[in-house]
Protein backbone atom coordinates (compact mmCIF):
# COMPACT_ATOMS: atom_id res chain seq x y z
CA MET A 1 -0.38 24.67 -10.63
CA ASP A 2 -3.14 27.08 -9.59
CA TYR A 3 -3.90 28.34 -13.10
CA GLY A 4 -4.67 27.04 -16.57
CA ILE A 5 -3.21 27.90 -19.97
CA GLY A 6 -5.82 29.32 -22.29
CA ILE A 7 -6.35 31.10 -25.59
CA LEU A 8 -6.77 34.80 -24.77
CA GLY A 9 -7.50 35.88 -28.34
CA ALA A 10 -6.77 35.30 -32.01
CA SER A 11 -6.16 37.29 -35.16
CA HIS A 12 -5.43 36.61 -38.83
CA TYR A 13 -4.15 38.08 -42.07
CA LEU A 14 -5.13 37.35 -45.67
CA PRO A 15 -3.42 38.79 -48.75
CA GLU A 16 -5.26 41.35 -50.87
CA LYS A 17 -5.31 39.34 -54.09
CA ILE A 18 -8.26 36.98 -54.59
CA GLN A 19 -8.45 34.25 -57.22
CA THR A 20 -11.93 33.06 -58.15
CA ASN A 21 -12.73 29.67 -59.65
CA GLU A 22 -13.47 31.43 -62.93
CA GLU A 23 -9.99 32.99 -62.96
CA LEU A 24 -8.33 29.69 -62.09
CA CYS A 25 -10.17 27.93 -64.91
CA GLU A 26 -8.71 30.38 -67.42
CA VAL A 27 -5.41 28.58 -66.72
CA MET A 28 -6.70 25.13 -65.81
CA THR A 29 -8.90 24.77 -68.88
CA ASP A 30 -9.88 21.11 -68.45
CA VAL A 31 -12.29 21.79 -65.56
CA ALA A 32 -15.20 24.17 -64.95
CA PRO A 33 -15.81 26.49 -61.96
CA GLU A 34 -18.93 24.52 -61.10
CA TRP A 35 -16.91 21.29 -60.90
CA ILE A 36 -14.49 22.85 -58.41
CA LEU A 37 -17.35 24.10 -56.26
CA LYS A 38 -19.11 20.73 -56.27
CA LYS A 39 -15.91 18.81 -55.48
CA THR A 40 -14.54 21.08 -52.76
CA GLY A 41 -17.07 23.72 -51.76
CA ILE A 42 -14.37 26.32 -52.55
CA LYS A 43 -15.38 29.48 -54.45
CA ARG A 44 -12.11 31.42 -54.24
CA ARG A 45 -8.66 31.52 -52.64
CA TYR A 46 -6.13 34.16 -51.56
CA ILE A 47 -2.81 34.69 -53.35
CA ALA A 48 0.21 36.36 -51.73
CA ARG A 49 1.93 39.28 -53.42
CA LYS A 50 5.48 38.98 -54.79
CA ASP A 51 6.89 40.85 -51.78
CA ASP A 52 4.92 38.80 -49.23
CA SER A 53 6.58 36.04 -47.23
CA SER A 54 5.42 33.65 -44.56
CA SER A 55 7.19 35.75 -41.93
CA SER A 56 5.69 39.03 -43.16
CA MET A 57 2.13 37.67 -43.14
CA ALA A 58 2.61 36.14 -39.69
CA THR A 59 4.09 39.39 -38.37
CA ILE A 60 1.09 41.44 -39.52
CA ALA A 61 -1.34 39.06 -37.81
CA ALA A 62 0.73 38.93 -34.62
CA LYS A 63 1.15 42.71 -34.37
CA LYS A 64 -2.59 43.20 -34.75
CA LEU A 65 -3.25 40.74 -31.92
CA LEU A 66 -0.67 42.24 -29.55
CA GLU A 67 -2.00 45.75 -30.17
CA LYS A 68 -5.56 44.59 -29.51
CA HIS A 69 -4.56 43.13 -26.14
CA ASN A 70 -2.14 45.96 -25.33
CA ILE A 71 0.77 43.58 -24.80
CA SER A 72 4.32 44.69 -25.53
CA PRO A 73 6.35 42.27 -27.72
CA ASP A 74 9.00 41.98 -25.01
CA LYS A 75 6.37 40.36 -22.76
CA ILE A 76 6.11 37.38 -25.13
CA ASN A 77 8.04 34.38 -23.79
CA LEU A 78 7.47 31.90 -26.61
CA ILE A 79 6.75 31.96 -30.35
CA VAL A 80 5.71 28.71 -32.03
CA ALA A 81 5.34 28.93 -35.81
CA ALA A 82 3.57 26.10 -37.61
CA THR A 83 4.28 26.01 -41.34
CA PHE A 84 5.52 23.90 -44.23
CA SER A 85 6.26 26.90 -46.44
CA PRO A 86 8.80 28.92 -44.40
CA ASP A 87 10.87 31.78 -45.82
CA TYR A 88 14.04 29.66 -45.91
CA MET A 89 15.12 26.09 -45.26
CA PHE A 90 16.78 27.70 -42.23
CA PRO A 91 17.01 29.78 -40.03
CA PRO A 92 13.55 29.04 -38.55
CA VAL A 93 10.74 31.34 -39.61
CA SER A 94 9.85 31.75 -35.92
CA ALA A 95 13.22 33.50 -35.49
CA LYS A 96 12.38 35.98 -38.26
CA ILE A 97 8.98 36.65 -36.68
CA GLN A 98 10.69 37.24 -33.33
CA LEU A 99 13.03 39.72 -35.04
CA ASN A 100 10.18 41.48 -36.86
CA LEU A 101 8.13 41.86 -33.68
CA GLY A 102 11.03 42.85 -31.45
CA ALA A 103 10.05 40.01 -29.10
CA LYS A 104 13.56 39.75 -27.74
CA ASN A 105 12.62 37.59 -24.74
CA ALA A 106 10.79 34.90 -26.71
CA GLN A 107 11.98 31.33 -27.15
CA ILE A 108 11.33 30.26 -30.76
CA ILE A 109 10.15 26.93 -32.19
CA ASP A 110 9.18 25.90 -35.72
CA VAL A 111 6.67 23.06 -36.09
CA ASN A 112 6.02 21.11 -39.30
CA THR A 113 3.22 18.61 -38.92
CA ASN A 114 1.62 19.87 -42.11
CA CYS A 115 -2.02 20.97 -41.79
CA THR A 116 -2.15 19.72 -38.17
CA GLY A 117 0.56 22.23 -37.30
CA PHE A 118 -1.55 24.77 -35.43
CA VAL A 119 -3.07 22.12 -33.13
CA THR A 120 0.43 20.73 -32.55
CA GLY A 121 1.79 24.20 -31.87
CA LEU A 122 -0.91 24.99 -29.33
CA THR A 123 -0.11 21.77 -27.47
CA VAL A 124 3.66 22.41 -27.56
CA ALA A 125 3.17 25.95 -26.25
CA SER A 126 0.65 25.08 -23.53
CA ASP A 127 2.82 22.18 -22.33
CA ARG A 128 5.85 24.46 -22.17
CA MET A 129 3.92 27.11 -20.26
CA ARG A 130 2.59 24.60 -17.74
CA ILE A 131 6.11 23.34 -17.02
CA ASP A 132 7.75 26.79 -16.72
CA ASP A 133 5.74 29.29 -14.67
CA THR A 134 7.98 32.16 -15.80
CA TYR A 135 6.29 31.99 -19.20
CA ASP A 136 3.35 34.42 -19.13
CA TYR A 137 2.49 34.75 -22.84
CA ALA A 138 3.00 32.76 -26.02
CA LEU A 139 2.15 33.35 -29.66
CA VAL A 140 1.15 30.27 -31.67
CA ILE A 141 1.13 30.99 -35.38
CA GLY A 142 -0.11 29.05 -38.37
CA VAL A 143 1.12 30.46 -41.66
CA GLU A 144 1.39 29.25 -45.24
CA LEU A 145 2.49 30.67 -48.57
CA HIS A 146 1.45 27.67 -50.64
CA THR A 147 0.80 29.21 -54.01
CA ARG A 148 4.46 29.56 -55.01
CA PHE A 149 4.76 25.77 -54.91
CA ILE A 150 1.61 24.89 -56.84
CA ASN A 151 1.29 23.89 -60.49
CA PRO A 152 -1.62 26.14 -61.58
CA LYS A 153 -2.77 23.46 -64.04
CA ASP A 154 -2.86 20.62 -61.49
CA ARG A 155 -6.47 19.91 -60.54
CA GLU A 156 -5.37 17.92 -57.46
CA THR A 157 -3.72 20.95 -55.81
CA ALA A 158 -4.47 24.29 -57.50
CA ILE A 159 -8.19 24.12 -56.72
CA PHE A 160 -7.50 23.90 -52.97
CA PHE A 161 -4.48 25.83 -51.76
CA SER A 162 -4.40 29.41 -50.55
CA ASP A 163 -2.15 31.79 -48.57
CA GLY A 164 -2.63 33.38 -45.15
CA ALA A 165 -1.70 33.53 -41.47
CA GLY A 166 -3.50 33.11 -38.16
CA VAL A 167 -2.21 33.58 -34.63
CA ALA A 168 -3.42 32.80 -31.10
CA LEU A 169 -2.27 34.46 -27.89
CA LEU A 170 -1.85 32.05 -24.98
CA GLY A 171 -1.70 33.11 -21.36
CA HIS A 172 -2.64 32.26 -17.79
CA VAL A 173 -6.36 31.75 -17.08
CA LYS A 174 -8.25 30.59 -14.00
CA LYS A 175 -7.73 27.00 -12.89
CA GLY A 176 -10.05 24.62 -14.71
CA SER A 177 -10.11 26.77 -17.86
CA GLY A 178 -7.88 26.68 -20.91
CA ILE A 179 -6.57 23.50 -22.47
CA ILE A 180 -8.29 20.36 -21.21
CA ASN A 181 -6.48 17.72 -23.25
CA SER A 182 -4.98 16.86 -26.62
CA LYS A 183 -4.50 13.69 -28.66
CA PHE A 184 -2.40 12.84 -31.70
CA LEU A 185 -2.37 9.90 -34.11
CA THR A 186 -0.16 9.04 -37.08
CA ASP A 187 -0.87 6.61 -39.92
CA THR A 188 2.09 6.41 -42.34
CA SER A 189 0.58 3.70 -44.56
CA THR A 190 0.07 6.30 -47.33
CA TYR A 191 3.08 8.45 -46.49
CA GLU A 192 3.80 9.41 -50.13
CA SER A 193 0.24 10.55 -50.96
CA VAL A 194 0.80 14.24 -50.16
CA ARG A 195 4.34 15.52 -50.53
CA PHE A 196 6.69 18.29 -51.66
CA ARG A 197 10.03 16.74 -52.51
CA GLY A 198 11.94 19.55 -54.21
CA GLY A 199 14.53 21.24 -52.04
CA GLY A 200 14.76 18.45 -49.48
CA SER A 201 17.94 16.46 -48.95
CA SER A 202 16.70 13.69 -51.28
CA TYR A 203 16.09 16.23 -54.08
CA PRO A 204 18.32 19.26 -53.37
CA LEU A 205 17.97 22.28 -55.62
CA VAL A 206 21.70 22.70 -56.19
CA ASN A 207 23.28 21.63 -59.49
CA ARG A 208 20.04 20.73 -61.24
CA LYS A 209 17.28 22.29 -63.32
CA PHE A 210 13.69 22.82 -62.22
CA MET A 211 11.82 19.51 -62.39
CA PRO A 212 7.99 19.88 -62.42
CA GLU A 213 7.45 16.30 -61.29
CA ILE A 214 9.15 16.97 -57.92
CA ASP A 215 9.28 20.77 -57.57
CA TYR A 216 5.53 21.24 -57.16
CA ILE A 217 3.33 20.06 -54.29
CA GLU A 218 1.77 16.68 -55.12
CA MET A 219 -1.46 15.29 -53.70
CA ASN A 220 -3.48 12.14 -54.12
CA GLY A 221 -6.98 13.38 -53.34
CA LEU A 222 -8.60 9.97 -52.90
CA ALA A 223 -5.95 8.73 -50.47
CA THR A 224 -6.27 11.97 -48.49
CA TRP A 225 -10.06 11.64 -48.30
CA LYS A 226 -9.84 8.02 -47.09
CA GLN A 227 -7.29 8.89 -44.42
CA ALA A 228 -9.32 11.84 -43.18
CA ILE A 229 -12.70 10.13 -42.91
CA THR A 230 -11.10 7.17 -41.13
CA ASN A 231 -8.63 8.75 -38.73
CA LEU A 232 -9.99 12.23 -37.99
CA PRO A 233 -13.10 10.83 -36.25
CA LYS A 234 -10.87 8.24 -34.56
CA VAL A 235 -8.50 10.78 -32.99
CA ILE A 236 -11.45 12.88 -31.82
CA LYS A 237 -13.13 9.87 -30.21
CA GLU A 238 -9.87 8.89 -28.50
CA LEU A 239 -9.49 12.46 -27.21
CA LEU A 240 -13.01 12.40 -25.77
CA VAL A 241 -12.37 9.08 -24.00
CA LYS A 242 -9.07 10.42 -22.66
CA SER A 243 -10.88 13.53 -21.39
CA GLU A 244 -13.82 11.55 -19.95
CA MET A 245 -16.20 13.49 -22.18
CA LYS A 246 -18.88 12.79 -24.77
CA ILE A 247 -19.26 14.57 -28.09
CA GLU A 248 -22.39 16.23 -26.67
CA ASP A 249 -20.18 17.97 -24.09
CA VAL A 250 -18.42 19.89 -26.86
CA ASP A 251 -20.06 23.25 -27.56
CA PHE A 252 -18.22 24.21 -30.74
CA CYS A 253 -15.77 22.70 -33.25
CA ILE A 254 -13.13 24.17 -35.54
CA PHE A 255 -11.75 21.79 -38.18
CA HIS A 256 -8.91 22.09 -40.66
CA GLN A 257 -10.44 23.84 -43.66
CA ALA A 258 -9.38 21.38 -46.35
CA ASN A 259 -12.63 20.70 -48.14
CA LEU A 260 -16.20 21.66 -47.22
CA ASN A 261 -17.55 18.25 -48.20
CA LEU A 262 -14.98 16.57 -45.96
CA ILE A 263 -15.88 18.69 -42.93
CA GLN A 264 -19.57 17.97 -43.41
CA TYR A 265 -18.90 14.24 -43.83
CA VAL A 266 -16.81 14.01 -40.65
CA MET A 267 -19.36 15.99 -38.65
CA ALA A 268 -22.15 13.69 -39.83
CA LYS A 269 -20.05 10.65 -38.91
CA LEU A 270 -19.54 12.05 -35.40
CA LYS A 271 -23.19 13.16 -35.21
CA ILE A 272 -22.25 16.80 -34.61
CA PRO A 273 -24.87 19.37 -35.76
CA LEU A 274 -23.58 21.68 -38.50
CA ASP A 275 -24.43 24.76 -36.42
CA LYS A 276 -21.67 23.73 -34.00
CA THR A 277 -18.89 24.71 -36.39
CA HIS A 278 -17.57 27.63 -38.41
CA THR A 279 -16.27 27.12 -41.94
CA ASN A 280 -14.47 29.54 -44.23
CA VAL A 281 -13.00 27.15 -46.80
CA GLU A 282 -15.70 28.31 -49.23
CA GLU A 283 -14.31 31.86 -49.32
CA ILE A 284 -10.66 31.31 -48.37
CA GLY A 285 -9.59 27.87 -49.58
CA ASN A 286 -7.12 25.57 -47.83
CA THR A 287 -4.48 27.58 -45.96
CA GLY A 288 -2.74 24.52 -44.49
CA SER A 289 -1.27 25.10 -41.03
CA ALA A 290 -3.01 28.49 -40.94
CA SER A 291 -6.53 27.22 -41.60
CA ILE A 292 -7.63 26.33 -38.05
CA ALA A 293 -6.03 29.51 -36.71
CA ILE A 294 -7.84 31.70 -39.25
CA ALA A 295 -11.17 29.92 -38.70
CA LEU A 296 -10.77 30.28 -34.91
CA SER A 297 -10.00 33.99 -35.27
CA GLU A 298 -13.11 34.49 -37.41
CA ALA A 299 -15.32 32.44 -35.06
CA ILE A 300 -14.21 34.53 -32.06
CA GLN A 301 -14.79 37.78 -33.95
CA LEU A 302 -18.26 36.63 -35.03
CA GLY A 303 -19.19 35.67 -31.48
CA LYS A 304 -19.57 31.99 -32.34
CA VAL A 305 -16.92 31.03 -29.78
CA LYS A 306 -18.06 32.35 -26.40
CA PRO A 307 -16.64 32.37 -22.86
CA GLY A 308 -17.53 29.20 -20.98
CA GLN A 309 -17.68 27.02 -24.07
CA LYS A 310 -15.74 23.81 -24.59
CA VAL A 311 -14.17 24.12 -28.06
CA LEU A 312 -12.70 21.26 -30.10
CA LEU A 313 -9.90 21.95 -32.58
CA ALA A 314 -9.03 19.12 -34.98
CA GLY A 315 -6.88 18.70 -38.07
CA VAL A 316 -5.36 16.28 -40.56
CA GLY A 317 -1.96 16.69 -42.19
CA ALA A 318 0.27 14.90 -44.68
CA GLY A 319 2.18 11.95 -43.40
CA PHE A 320 -0.60 11.27 -42.36
CA ASN A 321 -0.91 12.84 -38.93
CA PHE A 322 -3.99 13.81 -36.98
CA GLY A 323 -4.37 16.05 -33.95
CA ALA A 324 -7.18 17.31 -31.75
CA SER A 325 -7.44 19.36 -28.57
CA ILE A 326 -10.26 20.57 -26.34
CA TRP A 327 -10.22 24.02 -24.72
CA GLN A 328 -12.42 25.54 -22.02
CA PHE A 329 -12.79 29.16 -23.07
């Protein structure tokens, strides 16, 4: 193959409604705004409107990106949508996005690896494009509409989760550029620590009443923290070994925007200077599968990600699963 598969650009969409810590604490009265900020670094989060959906938010972000690059939707060969809050149980949300865009020639794939979804989706798409040289362009989308599945009084979830969409455009780049490598790791020892059981085949919605104990997203914050600080550095180190690189060879990093304190802890553990990353969790909150995509879009727009740089993308998701990839921009 005489070309690489690279990220040509990125875009994102956030809903108009913003919820501050002060507004959240009017509902969740047992905590203070200052406590949320100290625990998470989060000041506010975005809330979708009643007529928003995962597909509608993803479509807005994708249309903006295609228009920017002057690419017709019928030139898109693949759409990979990473989400764990799709419009329906099925059909796939990627199919609805294909319909909305008019991308009639695009293969569609949904990916659910929780908050690692965007990294997974990029790897799935780049692998597919390297195998089939008739694929010129792909859209990889991370999108979440979390807030409809959150108990607003639950301090383990409501303080974190937010809504939004981010999308990357993949295409052919010069040989030696684009994706360098990726690595994934799964540790299921605390499988039940982050979960959403309602609506699944074990807890179907039919013939029963709403049950708060299973019909809201649940999260064990301590278990999540322990998994992340143990396995996120591990998967990054394994990726570097696999790629015959050192951490010093990486010019910039984009992490899943789960918790500002967590990002800073992991960077310190890996001895990465804080000026080598971009964070937005403070102003946006945790947008799940969309978070790395949105942060990447912002970093490109701000000029923090530049041509010629080696950029590391890394995330942690429920299960627990971890993923990282390195890209030569």
